[in-house]
Amino acid sequence: DVTESLAGHSSTTIFTDEYRCPAHVADVAAAIIALADRPDVHGVLHVAGPQAVSRAELAQAFAAWMGHDPARVPTTSLRESGVQRPERVVLDSSLAAGLGVRCRSLAETLAR
């Protein structure tokens, strides 16, 4: 947990080379509501944030948003940690975007 690490209560480190597409829960909920009324939409539909960010970038942005020094977020490399999991879990949301679904970027979300 980033807040616990910043407070010195946790030894959690955040990976610099593990990427995701974070989305605000309100954007995902709005997409579900909008698409639930679309009987013409079938199959897998990815709804995710518009850009891939590393977990470290996400944690540092969150720390800054909370008023902390982002440089205090403890980071490490996924490769150096020995943890075996995918580095890039990046979703293609182009189908959802074509249906009018838009998730805000990390910067837009934190600016709220």
Protein backbone atom coordinates (compact mmCIF):
# COMPACT_ATOMS: atom_id res chain seq x y z
CA ASP A 1 0.00 0.00 0.00
CA VAL A 2 1.52 3.31 -1.11
CA THR A 3 0.20 5.36 1.80
CA GLU A 4 1.57 2.84 4.32
CA SER A 5 4.98 2.87 2.59
CA LEU A 6 5.09 6.67 2.57
CA ALA A 7 4.26 6.68 6.29
CA GLY A 8 7.06 4.18 6.95
CA HIS A 9 4.66 1.44 8.07
CA SER A 10 5.24 -0.95 5.16
CA SER A 11 8.16 -2.30 3.18
CA THR A 12 6.11 -2.54 -0.02
CA THR A 13 8.01 -1.62 -3.17
CA ILE A 14 6.37 -0.64 -6.43
CA PHE A 15 7.50 -2.01 -9.78
CA THR A 16 8.90 0.40 -12.37
CA ASP A 17 8.54 -2.03 -15.26
CA GLU A 18 5.02 -3.38 -14.77
CA TYR A 19 2.42 -1.57 -16.90
CA ARG A 20 -1.35 -1.31 -16.63
CA CYS A 21 -4.13 0.92 -17.99
CA PRO A 22 -5.80 2.35 -14.88
CA ALA A 23 -9.36 3.63 -15.14
CA HIS A 24 -11.49 5.54 -12.67
CA VAL A 25 -14.29 3.40 -11.24
CA ALA A 26 -16.87 6.05 -12.22
CA ASP A 27 -15.78 5.78 -15.87
CA VAL A 28 -16.02 1.98 -15.80
CA ALA A 29 -19.45 2.14 -14.14
CA ALA A 30 -20.67 4.65 -16.73
CA ALA A 31 -19.43 2.37 -19.51
CA ILE A 32 -21.26 -0.63 -18.04
CA ILE A 33 -24.50 1.35 -17.77
CA ALA A 34 -24.19 2.75 -21.30
CA LEU A 35 -23.32 -0.61 -22.85
CA ALA A 36 -25.89 -2.65 -20.91
CA ASP A 37 -28.59 -1.08 -23.06
CA ARG A 38 -26.85 -2.08 -26.30
CA PRO A 39 -28.16 -5.49 -27.47
CA ASP A 40 -26.05 -5.09 -30.61
CA VAL A 41 -22.79 -5.32 -28.64
CA HIS A 42 -21.45 -8.86 -28.15
CA GLY A 43 -18.26 -10.52 -27.02
CA VAL A 44 -15.35 -9.21 -25.03
CA LEU A 45 -15.21 -5.45 -24.65
CA HIS A 46 -12.25 -3.93 -22.86
CA VAL A 47 -12.82 -0.75 -20.88
CA ALA A 48 -9.57 0.71 -19.57
CA GLY A 49 -7.69 3.94 -19.19
CA PRO A 50 -6.33 5.53 -22.37
CA GLN A 51 -2.64 5.13 -21.58
CA ALA A 52 -0.36 2.49 -20.15
CA VAL A 53 1.46 3.62 -17.02
CA SER A 54 3.87 1.76 -14.82
CA ARG A 55 2.75 0.91 -11.33
CA ALA A 56 5.53 3.21 -10.10
CA GLU A 57 4.23 6.11 -12.21
CA LEU A 58 0.74 5.49 -10.83
CA ALA A 59 1.99 5.36 -7.24
CA GLN A 60 4.13 8.48 -7.69
CA ALA A 61 1.22 10.40 -9.22
CA PHE A 62 -1.01 9.29 -6.33
CA ALA A 63 1.65 10.30 -3.79
CA ALA A 64 1.95 13.77 -5.35
CA TRP A 65 -1.85 14.08 -5.38
CA MET A 66 -1.84 13.24 -1.65
CA GLY A 67 0.77 15.95 -1.04
CA HIS A 68 3.78 13.64 -0.61
CA ASP A 69 7.12 13.72 -2.38
CA PRO A 70 6.79 11.21 -5.25
CA ALA A 71 10.50 10.43 -4.96
CA ARG A 72 9.73 8.78 -1.60
CA VAL A 73 7.76 5.98 -3.26
CA PRO A 74 9.96 2.88 -2.89
CA THR A 75 10.49 1.29 -6.31
CA THR A 76 12.17 -1.76 -7.75
CA SER A 77 12.20 -3.71 -10.99
CA LEU A 78 9.87 -6.65 -11.52
CA ARG A 79 12.76 -8.52 -13.13
CA GLU A 80 15.06 -7.86 -10.18
CA SER A 81 12.39 -8.99 -7.71
CA GLY A 82 12.15 -12.48 -9.18
CA VAL A 83 8.35 -12.30 -9.21
CA GLN A 84 6.94 -14.17 -12.21
CA ARG A 85 4.03 -12.29 -13.76
CA PRO A 86 3.32 -10.32 -16.93
CA GLU A 87 5.01 -6.95 -17.29
CA ARG A 88 2.51 -5.44 -19.71
CA VAL A 89 -1.18 -6.00 -19.14
CA VAL A 90 -2.37 -3.34 -21.55
CA LEU A 91 -5.90 -3.52 -22.89
CA ASP A 92 -7.09 -2.37 -26.31
CA SER A 93 -10.18 -0.23 -25.66
CA SER A 94 -10.66 0.85 -29.28
CA LEU A 95 -13.94 -1.09 -29.65
CA ALA A 96 -15.37 0.60 -26.56
CA ALA A 97 -14.14 3.98 -27.79
CA GLY A 98 -15.89 3.37 -31.11
CA LEU A 99 -19.11 2.88 -29.14
CA GLY A 100 -18.67 6.23 -27.40
CA VAL A 101 -17.08 4.97 -24.18
CA ARG A 102 -14.27 7.20 -22.93
CA CYS A 103 -12.19 6.78 -19.80
CA ARG A 104 -10.29 9.74 -18.45
CA SER A 105 -6.51 9.72 -18.32
CA LEU A 106 -4.64 9.47 -15.04
CA ALA A 107 -3.91 13.21 -15.16
CA GLU A 108 -7.58 14.03 -15.80
CA THR A 109 -8.66 11.76 -12.96
CA LEU A 110 -6.24 13.27 -10.46
CA ALA A 111 -7.19 16.80 -11.54
CA ARG A 112 -10.77 16.22 -10.36
